[in-house]
């Protein structure tokens, strides 16, 4: 009995240490994502100032100050409500829209009743950034990004769709760049693995090529089990 008790105590201590290690890994990933996110937004402001597009730069700075405040309020959280995450995304896309002279439109759709449901923080933004930088930036005609969130049984399904140039064309353009996959997406993939280990939350990730007679593009699908 004493041996069993000692074993149970040791097991509890090991579990506690392992959980702490996983939490620290999550924080480390988040700390890498945060500067990456802020750096890209600030680059947009600098670009507009260098292009002497001052009214747009002023508008962008106002959006950026709001974005930064929201971002700092939530950056230490492992989970965030869908509503708050989408508010951050809305500001981010508004900034990118100014940066790219309104060459794309965006739409965010979700039923209001799931607004308070929790998802891991900063899970969507890197895929949206990828759609802008690799899908839409190289396209000459007007583009569209659509983010749709809905519930299927106990899964929160997030779809990020763009009608940009598509992955094949993006790979061709970036073939001379080493590791051109977004750093943000690499970090998200690591985050998904750690969330699975620490919270037993298995997040599905699918990336599909959209290729029809009328359009090209990419669709990212995230499937997140409900987390309370």
Protein backbone atom coordinates (compact mmCIF):
# COMPACT_ATOMS: atom_id res chain seq x y z
CA UNK A 1 0.00 0.00 0.00
CA UNK A 2 2.81 2.38 0.93
CA UNK A 3 4.60 1.58 -2.34
CA UNK A 4 1.37 2.21 -4.30
CA UNK A 5 0.88 5.52 -2.50
CA UNK A 6 4.47 6.59 -3.28
CA UNK A 7 4.03 5.57 -6.92
CA UNK A 8 0.78 7.58 -7.19
CA UNK A 9 2.44 10.61 -5.64
CA UNK A 10 5.40 10.35 -8.02
CA UNK A 11 3.02 9.97 -10.96
CA UNK A 12 1.13 13.12 -9.93
CA UNK A 13 4.39 15.06 -9.61
CA UNK A 14 5.57 13.84 -13.04
CA UNK A 15 2.23 14.83 -14.61
CA UNK A 16 2.46 18.26 -13.00
CA UNK A 17 6.01 18.77 -14.31
CA UNK A 18 5.05 17.56 -17.80
CA UNK A 19 2.08 19.94 -17.86
CA UNK A 20 4.30 22.83 -16.80
CA UNK A 21 6.80 22.00 -19.57
CA UNK A 22 3.99 21.92 -22.17
CA UNK A 23 2.61 25.24 -20.88
CA UNK A 24 6.08 26.81 -21.16
CA UNK A 25 6.40 25.48 -24.72
CA UNK A 26 3.05 27.09 -25.59
CA UNK A 27 4.20 30.40 -24.12
CA UNK A 28 7.47 30.15 -26.08
CA UNK A 29 5.55 29.61 -29.33
CA UNK A 30 3.25 32.54 -28.50
CA UNK A 31 6.24 34.78 -27.77
CA UNK A 32 7.61 33.92 -31.24
CA UNK A 33 4.26 34.61 -32.88
CA UNK A 34 3.66 37.96 -31.18
CA UNK A 35 6.67 39.90 -32.57
CA UNK A 36 6.11 38.27 -35.98
CA UNK A 37 2.52 39.53 -36.04
CA UNK A 38 3.37 43.06 -34.83
CA UNK A 39 6.41 43.36 -37.11
CA UNK A 40 4.31 42.66 -40.22
CA UNK A 41 1.68 45.23 -39.24
CA UNK A 42 4.32 47.91 -38.57
CA UNK A 43 5.92 47.15 -41.93
CA UNK A 44 2.62 48.07 -43.54
CA UNK A 45 2.67 51.52 -41.85
CA UNK A 46 6.26 52.15 -42.99
CA UNK A 47 5.39 51.08 -46.55
CA UNK A 48 2.55 53.65 -46.74
CA UNK A 49 4.68 56.44 -45.28
CA UNK A 50 7.45 55.68 -47.81
CA UNK A 51 4.84 55.78 -50.58
CA UNK A 52 3.62 59.18 -49.25
CA UNK A 53 0.12 57.78 -48.77
CA UNK A 54 -0.34 59.82 -45.58
CA UNK A 55 -4.15 59.68 -45.07
CA UNK A 56 -4.03 55.90 -45.47
CA UNK A 57 -1.03 55.69 -43.13
CA UNK A 58 -2.96 57.69 -40.49
CA UNK A 59 -6.02 55.45 -40.87
CA UNK A 60 -3.82 52.37 -40.66
CA UNK A 61 -2.08 53.66 -37.52
CA UNK A 62 -5.46 54.15 -35.81
CA UNK A 63 -6.42 50.58 -36.68
CA UNK A 64 -3.00 49.36 -35.61
CA UNK A 65 -3.23 51.04 -32.18
CA UNK A 66 -6.60 49.31 -31.62
CA UNK A 67 -5.15 46.03 -32.89
CA UNK A 68 -2.11 46.30 -30.62
CA UNK A 69 -4.26 47.00 -27.55
CA UNK A 70 -6.47 43.98 -28.25
CA UNK A 71 -3.49 41.86 -29.09
CA UNK A 72 -1.63 42.70 -25.87
CA UNK A 73 -4.78 42.08 -23.82
CA UNK A 74 -5.05 38.55 -25.22
CA UNK A 75 -1.50 37.51 -26.09
CA UNK A 76 -0.87 35.67 -22.80
CA UNK A 77 -4.04 33.61 -23.08
CA UNK A 78 -3.90 30.03 -24.33
CA UNK A 79 -7.60 30.18 -25.28
CA UNK A 80 -9.72 33.07 -26.53
CA UNK A 81 -13.38 33.53 -27.43
CA UNK A 82 -14.25 33.29 -31.13
CA UNK A 83 -15.68 36.83 -30.93
CA UNK A 84 -12.42 38.32 -29.60
CA UNK A 85 -10.25 36.38 -32.05
CA UNK A 86 -12.37 37.60 -34.96
CA UNK A 87 -12.23 41.22 -33.74
CA UNK A 88 -8.42 40.98 -33.90
CA UNK A 89 -8.65 39.40 -37.37
CA UNK A 90 -11.02 42.11 -38.57
CA UNK A 91 -8.53 44.83 -37.59
CA UNK A 92 -5.63 42.89 -39.11
CA UNK A 93 -7.44 42.51 -42.45
CA UNK A 94 -8.50 46.17 -42.44
CA UNK A 95 -4.80 47.08 -42.14
CA UNK A 96 -3.80 44.71 -44.97
CA UNK A 97 -6.63 46.08 -47.15
CA UNK A 98 -5.22 49.61 -46.81
CA UNK A 99 -1.68 48.32 -47.43
CA UNK A 100 -2.77 46.63 -50.67
CA UNK A 101 -4.84 49.61 -51.91
CA UNK A 102 -8.18 47.80 -51.58
CA UNK A 103 -7.13 45.09 -54.04
CA UNK A 104 -9.10 42.57 -51.99
CA UNK A 105 -12.31 42.38 -49.96
CA UNK A 106 -12.94 40.24 -46.92
CA UNK A 107 -15.92 38.71 -45.21
CA UNK A 108 -16.19 37.14 -41.74
CA UNK A 109 -19.26 35.00 -41.06
CA UNK A 110 -20.22 33.21 -37.87
CA UNK A 111 -23.42 32.65 -35.87
CA UNK A 112 -23.43 35.08 -32.92
CA UNK A 113 -24.46 32.32 -30.49
CA UNK A 114 -21.02 30.69 -30.76
CA UNK A 115 -19.15 33.96 -30.17
CA UNK A 116 -18.22 33.07 -26.58
CA UNK A 117 -16.95 29.55 -27.43
CA UNK A 118 -13.22 29.15 -26.82
CA UNK A 119 -10.53 28.31 -29.36
CA UNK A 120 -6.71 28.41 -29.05
CA UNK A 121 -5.37 31.95 -29.41
CA UNK A 122 -3.82 33.10 -32.71
CA UNK A 123 -4.78 29.93 -34.57
CA UNK A 124 -6.53 31.58 -37.54
CA UNK A 125 -4.41 34.68 -38.21
CA UNK A 126 -1.30 33.01 -39.70
CA UNK A 127 -3.45 31.24 -42.33
CA UNK A 128 -5.19 34.53 -43.18
CA UNK A 129 -1.79 36.25 -43.42
CA UNK A 130 -0.62 33.47 -45.73
CA UNK A 131 -3.68 33.98 -47.95
CA UNK A 132 -2.81 37.68 -48.25
CA UNK A 133 0.97 37.38 -48.71
CA UNK A 134 1.10 34.30 -50.96
CA UNK A 135 -2.33 34.10 -52.56
CA UNK A 136 -3.57 37.64 -53.11
CA UNK A 137 -0.45 39.85 -53.17
CA UNK A 138 0.68 38.33 -56.50
CA UNK A 139 -2.74 38.55 -58.16
CA UNK A 140 -3.49 41.43 -60.53
CA UNK A 141 -7.30 41.35 -60.28
CA UNK A 142 -9.53 42.03 -57.25
CA UNK A 143 -9.61 39.16 -54.74
CA UNK A 144 -11.72 37.92 -51.86
CA UNK A 145 -10.96 36.30 -48.50
CA UNK A 146 -13.83 34.62 -46.68
CA UNK A 147 -13.65 33.33 -43.11
CA UNK A 148 -16.59 31.17 -42.09
CA UNK A 149 -17.12 29.55 -38.70
CA UNK A 150 -19.89 27.11 -37.88
CA UNK A 151 -20.73 24.19 -35.61
CA UNK A 152 -21.02 20.58 -36.74
CA UNK A 153 -22.04 18.37 -33.82
CA UNK A 154 -19.37 19.13 -31.19
CA UNK A 155 -16.83 20.54 -33.65
CA UNK A 156 -16.10 24.20 -34.33
CA UNK A 157 -15.26 24.33 -38.03
CA UNK A 158 -13.25 27.28 -39.33
CA UNK A 159 -12.86 27.78 -43.09
CA UNK A 160 -10.43 30.33 -44.54
CA UNK A 161 -10.91 30.61 -48.30
CA UNK A 162 -9.18 32.87 -50.81
CA UNK A 163 -9.38 33.15 -54.59
CA UNK A 164 -5.72 34.05 -54.97
CA UNK A 165 -3.17 32.48 -57.28
CA UNK A 166 -3.20 29.08 -55.55
CA UNK A 167 -0.43 27.05 -53.94
CA UNK A 168 1.16 25.72 -57.17
CA UNK A 169 1.68 29.20 -58.61
CA UNK A 170 2.85 30.51 -55.23
CA UNK A 171 5.40 27.67 -54.99
CA UNK A 172 6.64 28.50 -58.50
CA UNK A 173 7.09 32.20 -57.59
CA UNK A 174 8.84 31.31 -54.33
CA UNK A 175 10.91 28.37 -55.62
CA UNK A 176 14.20 30.20 -55.06
CA UNK A 177 13.35 31.05 -51.46
CA UNK A 178 14.34 28.50 -48.83
CA UNK A 179 11.61 27.44 -46.40
CA UNK A 180 9.14 29.93 -47.84
CA UNK A 181 6.27 28.44 -45.83
CA UNK A 182 5.09 31.10 -43.43
CA UNK A 183 6.88 31.06 -40.08
CA UNK A 184 3.50 31.75 -38.49
CA UNK A 185 2.04 28.54 -39.98
CA UNK A 186 5.01 26.48 -38.78
CA UNK A 187 4.39 27.84 -35.28
CA UNK A 188 0.65 27.09 -35.51
CA UNK A 189 1.41 23.47 -36.41
CA UNK A 190 3.67 23.22 -33.35
CA UNK A 191 0.96 24.81 -31.23
CA UNK A 192 -1.63 22.28 -32.46
CA UNK A 193 0.67 19.43 -31.35
CA UNK A 194 1.20 20.89 -27.88
CA UNK A 195 -2.50 21.69 -27.35
CA UNK A 196 -3.20 18.03 -28.25
CA UNK A 197 -0.67 16.79 -25.65
CA UNK A 198 -1.61 19.19 -22.85
CA UNK A 199 -5.39 19.50 -23.24
CA UNK A 200 -6.15 16.28 -25.13
CA UNK A 201 -7.66 18.53 -27.80
CA UNK A 202 -7.13 17.09 -31.27
CA UNK A 203 -7.37 19.88 -33.84
CA UNK A 204 -7.84 18.83 -37.46
CA UNK A 205 -6.08 20.82 -40.18
CA UNK A 206 -6.75 20.42 -43.92
CA UNK A 207 -5.41 22.59 -46.74
CA UNK A 208 -7.15 22.21 -50.09
CA UNK A 209 -6.45 23.65 -53.53
CA UNK A 210 -9.46 25.33 -55.11
CA UNK A 211 -9.25 24.88 -58.86
CA UNK A 212 -12.30 25.23 -61.11
CA UNK A 213 -12.84 26.60 -64.59
CA UNK A 214 -13.61 30.04 -63.16
CA UNK A 215 -11.34 30.38 -60.14
CA UNK A 216 -8.21 29.28 -58.32
CA UNK A 217 -7.32 29.65 -54.67
CA UNK A 218 -6.80 27.88 -51.39
CA UNK A 219 -9.08 26.71 -48.61
CA UNK A 220 -7.88 25.98 -45.07
CA UNK A 221 -10.17 24.01 -42.77
CA UNK A 222 -9.60 23.83 -39.00
CA UNK A 223 -11.76 21.49 -36.90
CA UNK A 224 -11.63 22.20 -33.18
CA UNK A 225 -13.46 20.08 -30.59
CA UNK A 226 -15.59 22.16 -28.19
CA UNK A 227 -13.48 23.19 -25.20
CA UNK A 228 -14.91 24.46 -21.93
